[in-house]
Amino acid sequence: MKKVKIEVCCGTACYLLGAAGLMELEDKLPEALKGLVDIQASPCLGLCERDNLGGAPYVRINDSEIMSNANVEKLIQRLSGLAEGE
């Protein structure tokens, strides 16, 4: 599996609602996923306007998939799915 690009929105709302913890994702990954993820902080992705803050914090996966209400557990589950080819 090629590296998965994870962009964590660090705009004000996302940051206050948990984005800071998402930046530590790599430390919490299972051994099988370590080294397969490129985690980047992103300035505001502008998605709160769309959902009226209802989905923060947001994460963009591989430049296309948006995850709302992101948390470490949800991201690990999605990354495991990507590793299995889902």
PDB file of N, CA and C in Angstrom:
ATOM      1  N   MET A   1       0.847  -1.172   0.000  1.00  0.00           N
ATOM      2  CA  MET A   1       0.000   0.000   0.000  1.00  0.00           C
ATOM      3  C   MET A   1       0.895   1.239   0.000  1.00  0.00           C
ATOM      4  N   LYS A   2       0.585   2.193  -0.884  1.00  0.00           N
ATOM      5  CA  LYS A   2       1.368   3.427  -0.869  1.00  0.00           C
ATOM      6  C   LYS A   2       0.914   4.293   0.303  1.00  0.00           C
ATOM      7  N   LYS A   3       1.742   5.247   0.669  1.00  0.00           N
ATOM      8  CA  LYS A   3       1.433   6.094   1.818  1.00  0.00           C
ATOM      9  C   LYS A   3       0.096   6.801   1.645  1.00  0.00           C
ATOM     10  N   VAL A   4      -0.641   6.877   2.734  1.00  0.00           N
ATOM     11  CA  VAL A   4      -1.921   7.576   2.752  1.00  0.00           C
ATOM     12  C   VAL A   4      -1.667   8.988   3.275  1.00  0.00           C
ATOM     13  N   LYS A   5      -2.131   9.971   2.523  1.00  0.00           N
ATOM     14  CA  LYS A   5      -1.974  11.370   2.921  1.00  0.00           C
ATOM     15  C   LYS A   5      -3.178  11.769   3.774  1.00  0.00           C
ATOM     16  N   ILE A   6      -2.908  12.206   4.988  1.00  0.00           N
ATOM     17  CA  ILE A   6      -3.943  12.661   5.912  1.00  0.00           C
ATOM     18  C   ILE A   6      -3.712  14.144   6.163  1.00  0.00           C
ATOM     19  N   GLU A   7      -4.696  14.967   5.812  1.00  0.00           N
ATOM     20  CA  GLU A   7      -4.624  16.403   6.088  1.00  0.00           C
ATOM     21  C   GLU A   7      -5.618  16.717   7.195  1.00  0.00           C
ATOM     22  N   VAL A   8      -5.111  17.168   8.322  1.00  0.00           N
ATOM     23  CA  VAL A   8      -5.948  17.512   9.463  1.00  0.00           C
ATOM     24  C   VAL A   8      -6.232  19.003   9.407  1.00  0.00           C
ATOM     25  N   CYS A   9      -7.511  19.359   9.338  1.00  0.00           N
ATOM     26  CA  CYS A   9      -7.882  20.770   9.340  1.00  0.00           C
ATOM     27  C   CYS A   9      -7.527  21.357  10.700  1.00  0.00           C
ATOM     28  N   CYS A  10      -6.766  22.423  10.696  1.00  0.00           N
ATOM     29  CA  CYS A  10      -6.374  23.082  11.936  1.00  0.00           C
ATOM     30  C   CYS A  10      -6.936  24.492  12.019  1.00  0.00           C
ATOM     31  N   GLY A  11      -8.067  24.707  11.315  1.00  0.00           N
ATOM     32  CA  GLY A  11      -8.786  25.960  11.481  1.00  0.00           C
ATOM     33  C   GLY A  11      -9.282  26.050  12.921  1.00  0.00           C
ATOM     34  N   THR A  12      -9.726  27.207  13.333  1.00  0.00           N
ATOM     35  CA  THR A  12     -10.089  27.435  14.729  1.00  0.00           C
ATOM     36  C   THR A  12     -11.101  26.426  15.260  1.00  0.00           C
ATOM     37  N   ALA A  13     -12.226  26.246  14.575  1.00  0.00           N
ATOM     38  CA  ALA A  13     -13.267  25.332  15.069  1.00  0.00           C
ATOM     39  C   ALA A  13     -12.747  23.902  15.150  1.00  0.00           C
ATOM     40  N   CYS A  14     -12.096  23.436  14.106  1.00  0.00           N
ATOM     41  CA  CYS A  14     -11.579  22.062  14.099  1.00  0.00           C
ATOM     42  C   CYS A  14     -10.533  21.871  15.190  1.00  0.00           C
ATOM     43  N   TYR A  15      -9.667  22.860  15.349  1.00  0.00           N
ATOM     44  CA  TYR A  15      -8.621  22.751  16.366  1.00  0.00           C
ATOM     45  C   TYR A  15      -9.238  22.641  17.756  1.00  0.00           C
ATOM     46  N   LEU A  16     -10.215  23.494  18.034  1.00  0.00           N
ATOM     47  CA  LEU A  16     -10.855  23.477  19.351  1.00  0.00           C
ATOM     48  C   LEU A  16     -11.654  22.202  19.595  1.00  0.00           C
ATOM     49  N   LEU A  17     -12.116  21.569  18.520  1.00  0.00           N
ATOM     50  CA  LEU A  17     -12.944  20.369  18.660  1.00  0.00           C
ATOM     51  C   LEU A  17     -12.153  19.069  18.486  1.00  0.00           C
ATOM     52  N   GLY A  18     -10.827  19.142  18.550  1.00  0.00           N
ATOM     53  CA  GLY A  18     -10.053  17.915  18.605  1.00  0.00           C
ATOM     54  C   GLY A  18      -8.973  17.692  17.572  1.00  0.00           C
ATOM     55  N   ALA A  19      -8.771  18.626  16.659  1.00  0.00           N
ATOM     56  CA  ALA A  19      -7.757  18.423  15.620  1.00  0.00           C
ATOM     57  C   ALA A  19      -6.354  18.275  16.207  1.00  0.00           C
ATOM     58  N   ALA A  20      -6.088  18.932  17.315  1.00  0.00           N
ATOM     59  CA  ALA A  20      -4.754  18.838  17.922  1.00  0.00           C
ATOM     60  C   ALA A  20      -4.422  17.393  18.272  1.00  0.00           C
ATOM     61  N   GLY A  21      -5.383  16.665  18.798  1.00  0.00           N
ATOM     62  CA  GLY A  21      -5.171  15.259  19.130  1.00  0.00           C
ATOM     63  C   GLY A  21      -4.962  14.395  17.908  1.00  0.00           C
ATOM     64  N   LEU A  22      -5.566  14.783  16.791  1.00  0.00           N
ATOM     65  CA  LEU A  22      -5.418  14.013  15.556  1.00  0.00           C
ATOM     66  C   LEU A  22      -4.004  14.113  15.000  1.00  0.00           C
ATOM     67  N   MET A  23      -3.315  15.184  15.319  1.00  0.00           N
ATOM     68  CA  MET A  23      -1.944  15.347  14.842  1.00  0.00           C
ATOM     69  C   MET A  23      -1.007  14.320  15.488  1.00  0.00           C
ATOM     70  N   GLU A  24      -1.447  13.682  16.564  1.00  0.00           N
ATOM     71  CA  GLU A  24      -0.647  12.657  17.242  1.00  0.00           C
ATOM     72  C   GLU A  24      -1.018  11.253  16.778  1.00  0.00           C
ATOM     73  N   LEU A  25      -1.757  11.157  15.689  1.00  0.00           N
ATOM     74  CA  LEU A  25      -2.242   9.875  15.181  1.00  0.00           C
ATOM     75  C   LEU A  25      -1.127   8.854  15.002  1.00  0.00           C
ATOM     76  N   GLU A  26      -0.018   9.273  14.435  1.00  0.00           N
ATOM     77  CA  GLU A  26       1.054   8.324  14.120  1.00  0.00           C
ATOM     78  C   GLU A  26       1.545   7.585  15.368  1.00  0.00           C
ATOM     79  N   ASP A  27       1.539   8.257  16.512  1.00  0.00           N
ATOM     80  CA  ASP A  27       1.972   7.626  17.761  1.00  0.00           C
ATOM     81  C   ASP A  27       1.000   6.547  18.223  1.00  0.00           C
ATOM     82  N   LYS A  28      -0.230   6.591  17.740  1.00  0.00           N
ATOM     83  CA  LYS A  28      -1.269   5.669  18.200  1.00  0.00           C
ATOM     84  C   LYS A  28      -1.611   4.580  17.189  1.00  0.00           C
ATOM     85  N   LEU A  29      -0.922   4.586  16.056  1.00  0.00           N
ATOM     86  CA  LEU A  29      -1.206   3.595  15.013  1.00  0.00           C
ATOM     87  C   LEU A  29      -0.726   2.204  15.415  1.00  0.00           C
ATOM     88  N   PRO A  30      -1.468   1.164  15.006  1.00  0.00           N
ATOM     89  CA  PRO A  30      -0.963  -0.197  15.188  1.00  0.00           C
ATOM     90  C   PRO A  30       0.312  -0.374  14.358  1.00  0.00           C
ATOM     91  N   GLU A  31       1.164  -1.283  14.769  1.00  0.00           N
ATOM     92  CA  GLU A  31       2.443  -1.511  14.076  1.00  0.00           C
ATOM     93  C   GLU A  31       2.265  -1.723  12.578  1.00  0.00           C
ATOM     94  N   ALA A  32       1.207  -2.421  12.186  1.00  0.00           N
ATOM     95  CA  ALA A  32       0.982  -2.737  10.769  1.00  0.00           C
ATOM     96  C   ALA A  32       0.769  -1.486   9.919  1.00  0.00           C
ATOM     97  N   LEU A  33       0.360  -0.380  10.538  1.00  0.00           N
ATOM     98  CA  LEU A  33       0.076   0.846   9.785  1.00  0.00           C
ATOM     99  C   LEU A  33       1.172   1.905   9.922  1.00  0.00           C
ATOM    100  N   LYS A  34       2.083   1.702  10.862  1.00  0.00           N
ATOM    101  CA  LYS A  34       3.141   2.706  11.061  1.00  0.00           C
ATOM    102  C   LYS A  34       3.985   2.826   9.801  1.00  0.00           C
ATOM    103  N   GLY A  35       4.315   4.040   9.446  1.00  0.00           N
ATOM    104  CA  GLY A  35       5.122   4.293   8.259  1.00  0.00           C
ATOM    105  C   GLY A  35       4.317   4.362   6.974  1.00  0.00           C
ATOM    106  N   LEU A  36       3.018   4.087   7.055  1.00  0.00           N
ATOM    107  CA  LEU A  36       2.173   4.112   5.854  1.00  0.00           C
ATOM    108  C   LEU A  36       1.325   5.371   5.771  1.00  0.00           C
ATOM    109  N   VAL A  37       1.536   6.292   6.709  1.00  0.00           N
ATOM    110  CA  VAL A  37       0.685   7.471   6.795  1.00  0.00           C
ATOM    111  C   VAL A  37       1.545   8.727   6.807  1.00  0.00           C
ATOM    112  N   ASP A  38       1.143   9.710   6.015  1.00  0.00           N
ATOM    113  CA  ASP A  38       1.780  11.022   5.998  1.00  0.00           C
ATOM    114  C   ASP A  38       0.756  12.005   6.555  1.00  0.00           C
ATOM    115  N   ILE A  39       0.968  12.465   7.785  1.00  0.00           N
ATOM    116  CA  ILE A  39       0.015  13.349   8.458  1.00  0.00           C
ATOM    117  C   ILE A  39       0.503  14.782   8.331  1.00  0.00           C
ATOM    118  N   GLN A  40      -0.405  15.651   7.860  1.00  0.00           N
ATOM    119  CA  GLN A  40      -0.066  17.055   7.671  1.00  0.00           C
ATOM    120  C   GLN A  40      -1.137  17.929   8.301  1.00  0.00           C
ATOM    121  N   ALA A  41      -0.712  19.014   8.914  1.00  0.00           N
ATOM    122  CA  ALA A  41      -1.651  20.029   9.378  1.00  0.00           C
ATOM    123  C   ALA A  41      -2.025  20.878   8.173  1.00  0.00           C
ATOM    124  N   SER A  42      -3.278  21.212   8.073  1.00  0.00           N
ATOM    125  CA  SER A  42      -3.749  22.033   6.962  1.00  0.00           C
ATOM    126  C   SER A  42      -4.423  23.274   7.520  1.00  0.00           C
ATOM    127  N   PRO A  43      -4.242  24.406   6.857  1.00  0.00           N
ATOM    128  CA  PRO A  43      -5.052  25.551   7.268  1.00  0.00           C
ATOM    129  C   PRO A  43      -6.515  25.197   7.032  1.00  0.00           C
ATOM    130  N   CYS A  44      -7.396  26.011   7.459  1.00  0.00           N
ATOM    131  CA  CYS A  44      -8.832  25.731   7.364  1.00  0.00           C
ATOM    132  C   CYS A  44      -9.211  25.164   5.995  1.00  0.00           C
ATOM    133  N   LEU A  45      -9.898  24.029   6.006  1.00  0.00           N
ATOM    134  CA  LEU A  45     -10.367  23.407   4.766  1.00  0.00           C
ATOM    135  C   LEU A  45     -11.681  24.027   4.284  1.00  0.00           C
ATOM    136  N   GLY A  46     -12.287  24.907   5.090  1.00  0.00           N
ATOM    137  CA  GLY A  46     -13.510  25.597   4.692  1.00  0.00           C
ATOM    138  C   GLY A  46     -14.764  24.741   4.727  1.00  0.00           C
ATOM    139  N   LEU A  47     -14.719  23.619   5.412  1.00  0.00           N
ATOM    140  CA  LEU A  47     -15.859  22.705   5.407  1.00  0.00           C
ATOM    141  C   LEU A  47     -16.904  23.033   6.469  1.00  0.00           C
ATOM    142  N   CYS A  48     -16.529  23.772   7.489  1.00  0.00           N
ATOM    143  CA  CYS A  48     -17.489  24.136   8.535  1.00  0.00           C
ATOM    144  C   CYS A  48     -18.628  24.984   7.979  1.00  0.00           C
ATOM    145  N   GLU A  49     -18.306  25.823   7.007  1.00  0.00           N
ATOM    146  CA  GLU A  49     -19.341  26.659   6.395  1.00  0.00           C
ATOM    147  C   GLU A  49     -20.417  25.798   5.763  1.00  0.00           C
ATOM    148  N   ARG A  50     -19.998  24.690   5.178  1.00  0.00           N
ATOM    149  CA  ARG A  50     -20.924  23.788   4.503  1.00  0.00           C
ATOM    150  C   ARG A  50     -21.858  23.110   5.503  1.00  0.00           C
ATOM    151  N   ASP A  51     -21.321  22.700   6.642  1.00  0.00           N
ATOM    152  CA  ASP A  51     -22.092  21.937   7.618  1.00  0.00           C
ATOM    153  C   ASP A  51     -22.425  22.734   8.872  1.00  0.00           C
ATOM    154  N   ASN A  52     -22.234  24.049   8.840  1.00  0.00           N
ATOM    155  CA  ASN A  52     -22.519  24.909   9.979  1.00  0.00           C
ATOM    156  C   ASN A  52     -21.844  24.391  11.253  1.00  0.00           C
ATOM    157  N   LEU A  53     -20.584  24.055  11.152  1.00  0.00           N
ATOM    158  CA  LEU A  53     -19.738  23.565  12.243  1.00  0.00           C
ATOM    159  C   LEU A  53     -20.130  22.185  12.750  1.00  0.00           C
ATOM    160  N   GLY A  54     -21.134  21.560  12.172  1.00  0.00           N
ATOM    161  CA  GLY A  54     -21.649  20.297  12.684  1.00  0.00           C
ATOM    162  C   GLY A  54     -20.749  19.104  12.510  1.00  0.00           C
ATOM    163  N   GLY A  55     -19.695  19.193  11.715  1.00  0.00           N
ATOM    164  CA  GLY A  55     -18.874  18.021  11.478  1.00  0.00           C
ATOM    165  C   GLY A  55     -17.427  18.154  11.896  1.00  0.00           C
ATOM    166  N   ALA A  56     -17.081  19.257  12.533  1.00  0.00           N
ATOM    167  CA  ALA A  56     -15.683  19.466  12.924  1.00  0.00           C
ATOM    168  C   ALA A  56     -15.299  18.486  14.035  1.00  0.00           C
ATOM    169  N   PRO A  57     -14.076  18.013  14.061  1.00  0.00           N
ATOM    170  CA  PRO A  57     -12.968  18.309  13.169  1.00  0.00           C
ATOM    171  C   PRO A  57     -13.020  17.493  11.875  1.00  0.00           C
ATOM    172  N   TYR A  58     -12.482  18.091  10.829  1.00  0.00           N
ATOM    173  CA  TYR A  58     -12.466  17.466   9.501  1.00  0.00           C
ATOM    174  C   TYR A  58     -11.064  16.986   9.148  1.00  0.00           C
ATOM    175  N   VAL A  59     -11.032  15.913   8.357  1.00  0.00           N
ATOM    176  CA  VAL A  59      -9.781  15.365   7.842  1.00  0.00           C
ATOM    177  C   VAL A  59     -10.003  15.054   6.373  1.00  0.00           C
ATOM    178  N   ARG A  60      -9.004  15.362   5.543  1.00  0.00           N
ATOM    179  CA  ARG A  60      -9.057  14.980   4.126  1.00  0.00           C
ATOM    180  C   ARG A  60      -8.051  13.849   3.921  1.00  0.00           C
ATOM    181  N   ILE A  61      -8.527  12.779   3.276  1.00  0.00           N
ATOM    182  CA  ILE A  61      -7.706  11.591   3.053  1.00  0.00           C
ATOM    183  C   ILE A  61      -7.395  11.482   1.565  1.00  0.00           C
ATOM    184  N   ASN A  62      -6.105  11.402   1.243  1.00  0.00           N
ATOM    185  CA  ASN A  62      -5.643  11.263  -0.146  1.00  0.00           C
ATOM    186  C   ASN A  62      -6.258  12.295  -1.094  1.00  0.00           C
ATOM    187  N   ASP A  63      -6.348  13.526  -0.639  1.00  0.00           N
ATOM    188  CA  ASP A  63      -6.810  14.657  -1.454  1.00  0.00           C
ATOM    189  C   ASP A  63      -8.256  14.567  -1.916  1.00  0.00           C
ATOM    190  N   SER A  64      -9.015  13.556  -1.498  1.00  0.00           N
ATOM    191  CA  SER A  64     -10.369  13.440  -2.045  1.00  0.00           C
ATOM    192  C   SER A  64     -11.427  13.085  -1.009  1.00  0.00           C
ATOM    193  N   GLU A  65     -11.153  12.177  -0.130  1.00  0.00           N
ATOM    194  CA  GLU A  65     -12.162  11.714   0.831  1.00  0.00           C
ATOM    195  C   GLU A  65     -12.178  12.627   2.051  1.00  0.00           C
ATOM    196  N   ILE A  66     -13.373  13.077   2.443  1.00  0.00           N
ATOM    197  CA  ILE A  66     -13.525  13.931   3.619  1.00  0.00           C
ATOM    198  C   ILE A  66     -14.121  13.109   4.751  1.00  0.00           C
ATOM    199  N   MET A  67     -13.503  13.195   5.913  1.00  0.00           N
ATOM    200  CA  MET A  67     -14.049  12.559   7.107  1.00  0.00           C
ATOM    201  C   MET A  67     -14.464  13.670   8.062  1.00  0.00           C
ATOM    202  N   SER A  68     -15.725  13.656   8.463  1.00  0.00           N
ATOM    203  CA  SER A  68     -16.201  14.628   9.443  1.00  0.00           C
ATOM    204  C   SER A  68     -16.227  13.974  10.818  1.00  0.00           C
ATOM    205  N   ASN A  69     -16.301  14.790  11.842  1.00  0.00           N
ATOM    206  CA  ASN A  69     -16.288  14.299  13.227  1.00  0.00           C
ATOM    207  C   ASN A  69     -15.143  13.310  13.435  1.00  0.00           C
ATOM    208  N   ALA A  70     -14.007  13.641  12.879  1.00  0.00           N
ATOM    209  CA  ALA A  70     -12.854  12.735  12.908  1.00  0.00           C
ATOM    210  C   ALA A  70     -12.325  12.566  14.327  1.00  0.00           C
ATOM    211  N   ASN A  71     -11.909  11.344  14.605  1.00  0.00           N
ATOM    212  CA  ASN A  71     -11.206  11.043  15.847  1.00  0.00           C
ATOM    213  C   ASN A  71     -10.186   9.948  15.538  1.00  0.00           C
ATOM    214  N   VAL A  72      -9.306   9.694  16.465  1.00  0.00           N
ATOM    215  CA  VAL A  72      -8.218   8.745  16.230  1.00  0.00           C
ATOM    216  C   VAL A  72      -8.762   7.362  15.894  1.00  0.00           C
ATOM    217  N   GLU A  73      -9.758   6.901  16.642  1.00  0.00           N
ATOM    218  CA  GLU A  73     -10.305   5.564  16.412  1.00  0.00           C
ATOM    219  C   GLU A  73     -10.903   5.436  15.017  1.00  0.00           C
ATOM    220  N   LYS A  74     -11.647   6.457  14.613  1.00  0.00           N
ATOM    221  CA  LYS A  74     -12.274   6.454  13.286  1.00  0.00           C
ATOM    222  C   LYS A  74     -11.218   6.440  12.180  1.00  0.00           C
ATOM    223  N   LEU A  75     -10.167   7.217  12.368  1.00  0.00           N
ATOM    224  CA  LEU A  75      -9.092   7.256  11.374  1.00  0.00           C
ATOM    225  C   LEU A  75      -8.356   5.923  11.290  1.00  0.00           C
ATOM    226  N   ILE A  76      -8.081   5.308  12.423  1.00  0.00           N
ATOM    227  CA  ILE A  76      -7.402   4.007  12.406  1.00  0.00           C
ATOM    228  C   ILE A  76      -8.267   2.975  11.699  1.00  0.00           C
ATOM    229  N   GLN A  77      -9.565   3.012  11.949  1.00  0.00           N
ATOM    230  CA  GLN A  77     -10.479   2.078  11.281  1.00  0.00           C
ATOM    231  C   GLN A  77     -10.445   2.290   9.769  1.00  0.00           C
ATOM    232  N   ARG A  78     -10.470   3.542   9.327  1.00  0.00           N
ATOM    233  CA  ARG A  78     -10.453   3.829   7.887  1.00  0.00           C
ATOM    234  C   ARG A  78      -9.113   3.431   7.273  1.00  0.00           C
ATOM    235  N   LEU A  79      -8.032   3.720   7.953  1.00  0.00           N
ATOM    236  CA  LEU A  79      -6.708   3.352   7.447  1.00  0.00           C
ATOM    237  C   LEU A  79      -6.561   1.838   7.346  1.00  0.00           C
ATOM    238  N   SER A  80      -7.114   1.112   8.296  1.00  0.00           N
ATOM    239  CA  SER A  80      -7.088  -0.355   8.236  1.00  0.00           C
ATOM    240  C   SER A  80      -7.849  -0.837   7.014  1.00  0.00           C
ATOM    241  N   GLY A  81      -8.993  -0.198   6.731  1.00  0.00           N
ATOM    242  CA  GLY A  81      -9.768  -0.543   5.541  1.00  0.00           C
ATOM    243  C   GLY A  81      -8.993  -0.275   4.266  1.00  0.00           C
ATOM    244  N   LEU A  82      -8.309   0.849   4.206  1.00  0.00           N
ATOM    245  CA  LEU A  82      -7.500   1.167   3.026  1.00  0.00           C
ATOM    246  C   LEU A  82      -6.364   0.161   2.860  1.00  0.00           C
ATOM    247  N   ALA A  83      -5.771  -0.252   3.966  1.00  0.00           N
ATOM    248  CA  ALA A  83      -4.680  -1.230   3.904  1.00  0.00           C
ATOM    249  C   ALA A  83      -5.178  -2.576   3.381  1.00  0.00           C
ATOM    250  N   GLU A  84      -6.455  -2.876   3.637  1.00  0.00           N
ATOM    251  CA  GLU A  84      -7.049  -4.132   3.169  1.00  0.00           C
ATOM    252  C   GLU A  84      -7.649  -3.999   1.773  1.00  0.00           C
ATOM    253  N   GLY A  85      -7.525  -2.804   1.181  1.00  0.00           N
ATOM    254  CA  GLY A  85      -8.001  -2.605  -0.183  1.00  0.00           C
ATOM    255  C   GLY A  85      -9.422  -2.118  -0.311  1.00  0.00           C
ATOM    256  N   GLU A  86     -10.012  -1.656   0.774  1.00  0.00           N
ATOM    257  CA  GLU A  86     -11.394  -1.147   0.724  1.00  0.00           C
ATOM    258  C   GLU A  86     -11.424   0.281   0.227  1.00  0.00           C
TER     259      GLU A  86
END
